[in-house]
Amino acid sequence: MENTKYNNDRNIYRAKLEGVSKIKKEIFRTVSASELEIATGGNDLIDFKDLLIALKKRLSPRTADRQYEVQQKYQNLQKVPTGG
């Protein structure tokens, strides 16, 4: 019984590690090396969670940017199409 629980826990742990590994690969594939270096401050030994937080702070749009973008889309939708 204990052995079964251990094996189940180990399988869950391995599945989580595999998922994190896939996410890491996707981030390293899609984020430029220069952005990664800036986000990590050149530190090669950074915790993955810290890397995600640094990338979020660096790359996610600010609230003002989002509001401006929504406002622009709304104004574009209000324009009457011309001829055609």
N, C-alpha and C. Protein backbone atom coordinates (compact mmCIF):
# COMPACT_ATOMS: atom_id res chain seq x y z
N MET A 1 0.82 -1.19 0.00
CA MET A 1 0.00 0.00 0.00
C MET A 1 0.87 1.26 0.00
N GLU A 2 1.88 1.30 0.87
CA GLU A 2 2.79 2.44 0.92
C GLU A 2 3.54 2.59 -0.39
N ASN A 3 3.94 1.46 -0.95
CA ASN A 3 4.69 1.47 -2.20
C ASN A 3 3.84 2.05 -3.34
N THR A 4 2.57 1.72 -3.36
CA THR A 4 1.66 2.24 -4.39
C THR A 4 1.52 3.75 -4.27
N LYS A 5 1.37 4.25 -3.04
CA LYS A 5 1.25 5.69 -2.83
C LYS A 5 2.54 6.39 -3.25
N TYR A 6 3.68 5.79 -2.90
CA TYR A 6 4.97 6.37 -3.28
C TYR A 6 5.08 6.45 -4.81
N ASN A 7 4.73 5.36 -5.49
CA ASN A 7 4.81 5.35 -6.95
C ASN A 7 3.87 6.37 -7.57
N ASN A 8 2.68 6.49 -7.01
CA ASN A 8 1.72 7.48 -7.51
C ASN A 8 2.25 8.90 -7.31
N ASP A 9 2.78 9.18 -6.13
CA ASP A 9 3.35 10.51 -5.85
C ASP A 9 4.53 10.80 -6.78
N ARG A 10 5.35 9.78 -7.01
CA ARG A 10 6.52 9.95 -7.88
C ARG A 10 6.07 10.24 -9.32
N ASN A 11 5.03 9.55 -9.76
CA ASN A 11 4.52 9.78 -11.12
C ASN A 11 3.94 11.18 -11.26
N ILE A 12 3.25 11.65 -10.24
CA ILE A 12 2.71 13.01 -10.25
C ILE A 12 3.85 14.02 -10.31
N TYR A 13 4.88 13.79 -9.50
CA TYR A 13 6.04 14.68 -9.47
C TYR A 13 6.73 14.72 -10.84
N ARG A 14 6.91 13.56 -11.44
CA ARG A 14 7.55 13.49 -12.76
C ARG A 14 6.72 14.21 -13.82
N ALA A 15 5.40 14.06 -13.74
CA ALA A 15 4.52 14.74 -14.70
C ALA A 15 4.64 16.26 -14.55
N LYS A 16 4.73 16.73 -13.31
CA LYS A 16 4.90 18.17 -13.07
C LYS A 16 6.24 18.65 -13.61
N LEU A 17 7.29 17.88 -13.36
CA LEU A 17 8.61 18.26 -13.87
C LEU A 17 8.61 18.31 -15.40
N GLU A 18 7.95 17.36 -16.01
CA GLU A 18 7.86 17.33 -17.47
C GLU A 18 7.11 18.55 -17.99
N GLY A 19 6.04 18.93 -17.29
CA GLY A 19 5.28 20.11 -17.68
C GLY A 19 6.11 21.38 -17.57
N VAL A 20 6.84 21.52 -16.47
CA VAL A 20 7.70 22.69 -16.28
C VAL A 20 8.78 22.72 -17.35
N SER A 21 9.32 21.56 -17.67
CA SER A 21 10.35 21.48 -18.70
C SER A 21 9.81 21.94 -20.05
N LYS A 22 8.59 21.54 -20.38
CA LYS A 22 7.98 21.97 -21.65
C LYS A 22 7.78 23.48 -21.67
N ILE A 23 7.36 24.03 -20.54
CA ILE A 23 7.16 25.49 -20.47
C ILE A 23 8.49 26.21 -20.63
N LYS A 24 9.53 25.71 -19.97
CA LYS A 24 10.86 26.31 -20.10
C LYS A 24 11.32 26.31 -21.55
N LYS A 25 11.18 25.17 -22.21
CA LYS A 25 11.60 25.06 -23.61
C LYS A 25 10.85 26.06 -24.48
N GLU A 26 9.56 26.20 -24.24
CA GLU A 26 8.75 27.13 -25.04
C GLU A 26 9.17 28.57 -24.79
N ILE A 27 9.46 28.90 -23.54
CA ILE A 27 9.91 30.26 -23.22
C ILE A 27 11.25 30.54 -23.88
N PHE A 28 12.19 29.61 -23.76
CA PHE A 28 13.51 29.81 -24.36
C PHE A 28 13.43 29.84 -25.89
N ARG A 29 12.43 29.18 -26.46
CA ARG A 29 12.26 29.17 -27.91
C ARG A 29 11.64 30.48 -28.40
N THR A 30 10.75 31.07 -27.62
CA THR A 30 9.99 32.22 -28.09
C THR A 30 10.48 33.58 -27.60
N VAL A 31 11.24 33.61 -26.53
CA VAL A 31 11.73 34.89 -25.99
C VAL A 31 13.17 35.08 -26.47
N SER A 32 13.46 36.26 -26.96
CA SER A 32 14.80 36.51 -27.49
C SER A 32 15.85 36.41 -26.38
N ALA A 33 17.04 36.04 -26.79
CA ALA A 33 18.14 35.88 -25.84
C ALA A 33 18.45 37.19 -25.13
N SER A 34 18.34 38.30 -25.85
CA SER A 34 18.63 39.59 -25.23
C SER A 34 17.60 39.93 -24.15
N GLU A 35 16.32 39.60 -24.40
CA GLU A 35 15.29 39.84 -23.38
C GLU A 35 15.52 38.95 -22.16
N LEU A 36 15.90 37.71 -22.39
CA LEU A 36 16.19 36.81 -21.27
C LEU A 36 17.36 37.34 -20.44
N GLU A 37 18.39 37.83 -21.13
CA GLU A 37 19.56 38.35 -20.41
C GLU A 37 19.20 39.59 -19.60
N ILE A 38 18.41 40.47 -20.18
CA ILE A 38 17.99 41.68 -19.46
C ILE A 38 17.12 41.31 -18.27
N ALA A 39 16.18 40.39 -18.48
CA ALA A 39 15.26 40.00 -17.40
C ALA A 39 15.98 39.33 -16.25
N THR A 40 17.04 38.59 -16.55
CA THR A 40 17.77 37.89 -15.49
C THR A 40 18.93 38.70 -14.94
N GLY A 41 19.20 39.84 -15.53
CA GLY A 41 20.33 40.65 -15.09
C GLY A 41 21.65 39.97 -15.37
N GLY A 42 21.67 39.09 -16.38
CA GLY A 42 22.88 38.38 -16.74
C GLY A 42 23.21 37.21 -15.84
N ASN A 43 22.36 36.95 -14.85
CA ASN A 43 22.58 35.85 -13.92
C ASN A 43 22.11 34.54 -14.55
N ASP A 44 23.04 33.60 -14.77
CA ASP A 44 22.68 32.32 -15.39
C ASP A 44 21.96 31.40 -14.41
N LEU A 45 22.20 31.58 -13.12
CA LEU A 45 21.62 30.69 -12.11
C LEU A 45 20.43 31.37 -11.45
N ILE A 46 19.34 31.48 -12.18
CA ILE A 46 18.14 32.11 -11.64
C ILE A 46 17.04 31.07 -11.55
N ASP A 47 16.28 31.15 -10.48
CA ASP A 47 15.16 30.24 -10.27
C ASP A 47 14.12 30.48 -11.38
N PHE A 48 13.50 29.42 -11.84
CA PHE A 48 12.56 29.55 -12.95
C PHE A 48 11.38 30.45 -12.59
N LYS A 49 10.91 30.35 -11.37
CA LYS A 49 9.80 31.22 -10.94
C LYS A 49 10.23 32.68 -10.99
N ASP A 50 11.45 32.96 -10.54
CA ASP A 50 11.96 34.33 -10.59
C ASP A 50 12.09 34.81 -12.04
N LEU A 51 12.48 33.90 -12.93
CA LEU A 51 12.58 34.25 -14.35
C LEU A 51 11.21 34.64 -14.90
N LEU A 52 10.18 33.86 -14.58
CA LEU A 52 8.83 34.17 -15.05
C LEU A 52 8.36 35.53 -14.54
N ILE A 53 8.64 35.81 -13.28
CA ILE A 53 8.24 37.10 -12.70
C ILE A 53 8.97 38.24 -13.39
N ALA A 54 10.28 38.07 -13.62
CA ALA A 54 11.07 39.11 -14.27
C ALA A 54 10.59 39.35 -15.70
N LEU A 55 10.28 38.27 -16.43
CA LEU A 55 9.78 38.43 -17.79
C LEU A 55 8.41 39.11 -17.80
N LYS A 56 7.58 38.76 -16.84
CA LYS A 56 6.25 39.39 -16.77
C LYS A 56 6.39 40.89 -16.53
N LYS A 57 7.26 41.27 -15.59
CA LYS A 57 7.45 42.69 -15.30
C LYS A 57 8.01 43.43 -16.51
N ARG A 58 8.89 42.76 -17.24
CA ARG A 58 9.56 43.41 -18.36
C ARG A 58 8.69 43.47 -19.62
N LEU A 59 7.93 42.41 -19.88
CA LEU A 59 7.27 42.29 -21.17
C LEU A 59 5.76 42.53 -21.18
N SER A 60 5.12 42.44 -20.03
CA SER A 60 3.66 42.60 -20.05
C SER A 60 3.31 44.08 -20.18
N PRO A 61 2.24 44.36 -20.93
CA PRO A 61 1.86 45.77 -21.12
C PRO A 61 1.35 46.38 -19.82
N ARG A 62 1.60 47.67 -19.67
CA ARG A 62 1.11 48.38 -18.50
C ARG A 62 -0.38 48.62 -18.64
N THR A 63 -1.02 48.96 -17.55
CA THR A 63 -2.46 49.23 -17.56
C THR A 63 -2.80 50.37 -18.51
N ALA A 64 -2.00 51.42 -18.49
CA ALA A 64 -2.26 52.57 -19.36
C ALA A 64 -2.17 52.15 -20.82
N ASP A 65 -1.22 51.30 -21.16
CA ASP A 65 -1.09 50.82 -22.53
C ASP A 65 -2.33 50.03 -22.94
N ARG A 66 -2.80 49.18 -22.05
CA ARG A 66 -3.99 48.38 -22.34
C ARG A 66 -5.21 49.28 -22.54
N GLN A 67 -5.36 50.26 -21.67
CA GLN A 67 -6.50 51.16 -21.77
C GLN A 67 -6.46 51.93 -23.09
N TYR A 68 -5.28 52.38 -23.48
CA TYR A 68 -5.13 53.11 -24.74
C TYR A 68 -5.49 52.21 -25.92
N GLU A 69 -5.02 50.98 -25.88
CA GLU A 69 -5.30 50.03 -26.96
C GLU A 69 -6.81 49.76 -27.08
N VAL A 70 -7.47 49.55 -25.96
CA VAL A 70 -8.92 49.31 -25.98
C VAL A 70 -9.65 50.54 -26.51
N GLN A 71 -9.21 51.72 -26.09
CA GLN A 71 -9.84 52.96 -26.55
C GLN A 71 -9.67 53.11 -28.06
N GLN A 72 -8.50 52.80 -28.58
CA GLN A 72 -8.27 52.89 -30.02
C GLN A 72 -9.14 51.91 -30.80
N LYS A 73 -9.25 50.70 -30.30
CA LYS A 73 -10.10 49.70 -30.96
C LYS A 73 -11.56 50.16 -30.96
N TYR A 74 -12.01 50.70 -29.85
CA TYR A 74 -13.38 51.19 -29.73
C TYR A 74 -13.63 52.32 -30.73
N GLN A 75 -12.70 53.25 -30.81
CA GLN A 75 -12.86 54.37 -31.74
C GLN A 75 -12.86 53.89 -33.19
N ASN A 76 -12.05 52.90 -33.50
CA ASN A 76 -12.03 52.35 -34.85
C ASN A 76 -13.34 51.66 -35.19
N LEU A 77 -13.95 51.03 -34.20
CA LEU A 77 -15.24 50.37 -34.43
C LEU A 77 -16.36 51.38 -34.64
N GLN A 78 -16.20 52.58 -34.10
CA GLN A 78 -17.23 53.61 -34.22
C GLN A 78 -17.23 54.28 -35.60
N LYS A 79 -16.15 54.14 -36.34
CA LYS A 79 -16.05 54.78 -37.65
C LYS A 79 -17.00 54.11 -38.63
N VAL A 80 -17.65 54.94 -39.42
CA VAL A 80 -18.58 54.43 -40.43
C VAL A 80 -17.78 54.02 -41.66
N PRO A 81 -18.01 52.81 -42.15
CA PRO A 81 -17.28 52.38 -43.35
C PRO A 81 -17.65 53.26 -44.54
N THR A 82 -16.68 53.54 -45.38
CA THR A 82 -16.93 54.39 -46.55
C THR A 82 -17.04 53.53 -47.80
N GLY A 83 -18.00 53.85 -48.65
CA GLY A 83 -18.18 53.23 -49.97
C GLY A 83 -17.73 51.77 -50.03
N GLY A 84 -17.56 51.28 -51.16
CA GLY A 84 -16.98 49.98 -51.23
C GLY A 84 -17.60 49.07 -52.10
